Amino acid sequence: MMILLTIQISPGMDGKPRGKFVVTWINKTGDNDMHLDKEYLDKLSGKDLSYPQKKEFTTLYVYHRGTVLAIINATNIVEEATILDAKLEELGIAVGNKGLPENISELPQKLFSLGVVVEKVVNTDVYRMAKDGHDTIIRARVSEWKKELYEYYGVTDNPKADAVYEKAYDRGHSYGYGEVSSSFGNLVDLII
């Protein structure tokens, strides 16, 4: 496989020229091969999507002597940490010069060190649904790309196309879909 690197230069907002690298993957076997640019490959692998993280679906319940001081999640952590900081100061619990961390992963440890009880609840059902939704999008993109690959090489109705794709995937998937495409292009002549 060969990589073609080009630079596109255009004026920026301040009038100064701005450059942008464009990477194109080219199969070295010839000009008949399917070309995939970096933007397409990034979209195919889901780099434009945010992968769901457990902390996004985590709620912290903060207690002191049986009283709920705060209910904190990823969307309200900045405001609630500030409010909780003030409540802890009123109770005579010294938070320190830095205040409470505004990171939901670090906050429970800091609160525990202050002697405050923290209950961490992860909404696993919604988290799994978000992960499944992400995975469904990726599978749909790969399925569409696979159809385009088969059409490009004219093997859409060939019963052996899936076997060639599996072999190409085994050979190239660790290097990305560009390499899978390249391997498919090298192997497809076996079934045409």
Protein backbone atom coordinates (compact mmCIF):
# COMPACT_ATOMS: atom_id res chain seq x y z
CA MET A 1 0.00 0.00 0.00
CA MET A 2 1.18 3.50 -0.77
CA ILE A 3 0.15 6.73 0.94
CA LEU A 4 -0.33 9.93 -1.04
CA LEU A 5 0.06 13.03 1.12
CA THR A 6 -1.06 16.39 -0.25
CA ILE A 7 -1.29 19.79 1.36
CA GLN A 8 -4.24 22.08 0.67
CA ILE A 9 -3.56 25.74 1.43
CA SER A 10 -6.34 28.27 1.89
CA PRO A 11 -6.65 31.69 3.58
CA GLY A 12 -7.55 31.54 7.25
CA MET A 13 -9.90 33.83 9.19
CA ASP A 14 -7.01 36.20 9.88
CA GLY A 15 -5.97 36.31 6.21
CA LYS A 16 -2.86 34.18 6.75
CA PRO A 17 -2.52 31.01 4.71
CA ARG A 18 -3.58 27.83 6.47
CA GLY A 19 -2.49 24.37 5.39
CA LYS A 20 -4.37 21.12 5.72
CA PHE A 21 -2.88 17.69 5.12
CA VAL A 22 -4.96 15.26 3.08
CA VAL A 23 -3.93 11.62 3.26
CA THR A 24 -5.10 9.22 0.57
CA TRP A 25 -4.48 5.50 0.77
CA ILE A 26 -3.56 4.03 -2.58
CA ASN A 27 -3.22 0.36 -3.30
CA LYS A 28 0.10 -0.29 -5.05
CA THR A 29 -1.36 -2.92 -7.39
CA GLY A 30 -2.73 -0.42 -9.89
CA ASP A 31 -5.03 2.44 -10.73
CA ASN A 32 -8.14 0.23 -10.80
CA ASP A 33 -8.16 -0.05 -7.01
CA MET A 34 -10.65 1.63 -4.74
CA HIS A 35 -9.20 4.80 -3.20
CA LEU A 36 -10.21 5.75 0.35
CA ASP A 37 -9.23 9.09 1.82
CA LYS A 38 -8.45 9.59 5.51
CA GLU A 39 -11.72 11.41 6.21
CA TYR A 40 -13.73 8.49 4.82
CA LEU A 41 -11.66 5.96 6.79
CA ASP A 42 -12.06 7.98 9.99
CA LYS A 43 -15.84 8.09 9.55
CA LEU A 44 -15.92 4.37 8.78
CA SER A 45 -14.09 3.58 12.02
CA GLY A 46 -16.29 5.97 14.04
CA LYS A 47 -13.76 8.67 14.89
CA ASP A 48 -16.49 11.27 14.37
CA LEU A 49 -18.60 9.63 17.10
CA SER A 50 -18.21 9.94 20.83
CA TYR A 51 -17.93 6.51 22.40
CA PRO A 52 -20.18 6.29 25.47
CA GLN A 53 -18.29 6.29 28.76
CA LYS A 54 -19.64 5.02 32.08
CA LYS A 55 -18.97 8.35 33.76
CA GLU A 56 -21.57 9.94 31.46
CA PHE A 57 -24.19 7.64 33.00
CA THR A 58 -23.00 7.87 36.61
CA THR A 59 -24.82 9.70 39.41
CA LEU A 60 -23.16 10.46 42.74
CA TYR A 61 -25.32 10.81 45.84
CA VAL A 62 -23.39 12.69 48.52
CA TYR A 63 -24.50 12.21 52.16
CA HIS A 64 -23.44 13.62 55.50
CA ARG A 65 -25.03 12.18 58.64
CA GLY A 66 -27.98 10.78 56.70
CA THR A 67 -28.73 14.00 54.83
CA VAL A 68 -28.36 14.26 51.07
CA LEU A 69 -25.98 17.12 50.35
CA ALA A 70 -25.86 16.77 46.58
CA ILE A 71 -26.89 14.69 43.60
CA ILE A 72 -24.18 15.01 40.97
CA ASN A 73 -23.91 13.68 37.43
CA ALA A 74 -21.72 14.46 34.43
CA THR A 75 -24.03 17.21 33.17
CA ASN A 76 -24.26 19.21 36.40
CA ILE A 77 -20.90 18.52 38.05
CA VAL A 78 -19.46 22.04 37.70
CA GLU A 79 -22.42 23.76 39.35
CA GLU A 80 -23.07 21.05 41.95
CA ALA A 81 -19.39 20.78 42.97
CA THR A 82 -19.37 24.53 43.66
CA ILE A 83 -22.58 24.33 45.69
CA LEU A 84 -21.34 21.23 47.55
CA ASP A 85 -18.06 22.99 48.32
CA ALA A 86 -20.01 25.79 50.05
CA LYS A 87 -22.24 23.30 51.95
CA LEU A 88 -19.22 21.40 53.23
CA GLU A 89 -17.64 24.66 54.39
CA GLU A 90 -20.85 25.50 56.30
CA LEU A 91 -20.61 22.09 58.00
CA GLY A 92 -17.03 22.82 59.01
CA ILE A 93 -15.51 20.29 56.62
CA ALA A 94 -12.38 21.80 55.08
CA VAL A 95 -12.16 21.06 51.38
CA GLY A 96 -8.78 22.74 50.86
CA ASN A 97 -7.43 25.49 48.65
CA LYS A 98 -8.14 23.75 45.36
CA GLY A 99 -11.80 23.03 46.07
CA LEU A 100 -13.55 19.94 44.82
CA PRO A 101 -12.47 18.35 41.54
CA GLU A 102 -14.81 18.93 38.61
CA ASN A 103 -14.21 15.42 37.31
CA ILE A 104 -16.80 12.82 38.22
CA SER A 105 -14.13 10.11 38.33
CA GLU A 106 -11.98 11.97 40.90
CA LEU A 107 -14.75 13.42 43.04
CA PRO A 108 -15.74 10.30 45.06
CA GLN A 109 -12.18 9.72 46.33
CA LYS A 110 -11.83 13.37 47.41
CA LEU A 111 -15.19 13.32 49.21
CA PHE A 112 -14.36 10.00 50.89
CA SER A 113 -11.10 11.51 52.18
CA LEU A 114 -13.19 14.29 53.77
CA GLY A 115 -15.35 11.75 55.62
CA VAL A 116 -18.42 12.23 53.45
CA VAL A 117 -20.42 9.22 52.24
CA VAL A 118 -20.72 8.87 48.47
CA GLU A 119 -23.02 6.44 46.70
CA LYS A 120 -22.07 5.90 43.07
CA VAL A 121 -24.88 4.65 40.82
CA VAL A 122 -24.32 3.76 37.16
CA ASN A 123 -27.41 3.52 34.98
CA THR A 124 -26.17 0.39 33.23
CA ASP A 125 -29.28 -0.10 31.10
CA VAL A 126 -28.98 3.33 29.46
CA TYR A 127 -25.20 2.93 29.21
CA ARG A 128 -25.60 -0.40 27.36
CA MET A 129 -28.23 1.12 25.07
CA ALA A 130 -25.84 3.98 24.22
CA LYS A 131 -23.01 1.53 23.50
CA ASP A 132 -25.32 -0.63 21.39
CA GLY A 133 -26.44 2.46 19.46
CA HIS A 134 -22.82 3.42 18.79
CA ASP A 135 -21.96 -0.11 17.67
CA THR A 136 -25.06 -0.24 15.42
CA ILE A 137 -23.95 2.93 13.63
CA ILE A 138 -20.46 1.51 13.05
CA ARG A 139 -21.86 -1.81 11.79
CA ALA A 140 -24.18 0.03 9.39
CA ARG A 141 -21.31 2.12 8.03
CA VAL A 142 -19.11 -0.94 7.54
CA SER A 143 -21.96 -2.82 5.88
CA GLU A 144 -22.56 0.07 3.47
CA TRP A 145 -18.83 0.32 2.71
CA LYS A 146 -18.68 -3.43 2.11
CA LYS A 147 -21.52 -3.10 -0.43
CA GLU A 148 -19.65 -0.26 -2.15
CA LEU A 149 -16.48 -2.38 -2.19
CA TYR A 150 -18.31 -5.30 -3.80
CA GLU A 151 -19.93 -2.98 -6.36
CA TYR A 152 -16.61 -1.33 -7.16
CA TYR A 153 -15.02 -4.66 -7.98
CA GLY A 154 -18.15 -6.04 -9.66
CA VAL A 155 -18.62 -8.98 -7.29
CA THR A 156 -21.93 -7.99 -5.71
CA ASP A 157 -23.65 -11.20 -6.79
CA ASN A 158 -20.61 -13.45 -6.53
CA PRO A 159 -21.18 -16.12 -3.85
CA LYS A 160 -17.45 -16.22 -3.07
CA ALA A 161 -17.17 -12.47 -2.39
CA ASP A 162 -17.82 -12.89 1.34
CA ALA A 163 -15.06 -15.51 1.60
CA VAL A 164 -12.60 -13.16 -0.13
CA TYR A 165 -13.69 -10.30 2.13
CA GLU A 166 -13.14 -12.44 5.25
CA LYS A 167 -9.64 -13.34 4.05
CA ALA A 168 -8.90 -9.67 3.24
CA TYR A 169 -10.26 -8.64 6.65
CA ASP A 170 -8.05 -11.20 8.40
CA ARG A 171 -5.01 -9.92 6.54
CA GLY A 172 -5.60 -6.21 6.89
CA HIS A 173 -7.99 -5.25 9.72
CA SER A 174 -5.25 -4.55 12.24
CA TYR A 175 -4.03 -1.79 9.91
CA GLY A 176 -7.51 -0.38 9.23
CA TYR A 177 -10.14 -0.53 6.53
CA GLY A 178 -7.78 0.97 3.95
CA GLU A 179 -5.64 -2.14 4.21
CA VAL A 180 -8.72 -4.39 4.12
CA SER A 181 -9.72 -2.67 0.88
CA SER A 182 -6.20 -3.11 -0.49
CA SER A 183 -6.14 -6.81 0.44
CA PHE A 184 -9.58 -7.30 -1.09
CA GLY A 185 -8.35 -5.69 -4.32
CA ASN A 186 -5.40 -8.08 -4.37
CA LEU A 187 -7.54 -11.17 -3.74
CA VAL A 188 -10.64 -10.39 -5.78
CA ASP A 189 -9.02 -11.58 -9.02
CA LEU A 190 -9.23 -15.12 -7.63
CA ILE A 191 -13.03 -15.13 -7.95
CA ILE A 192 -13.60 -13.06 -11.09
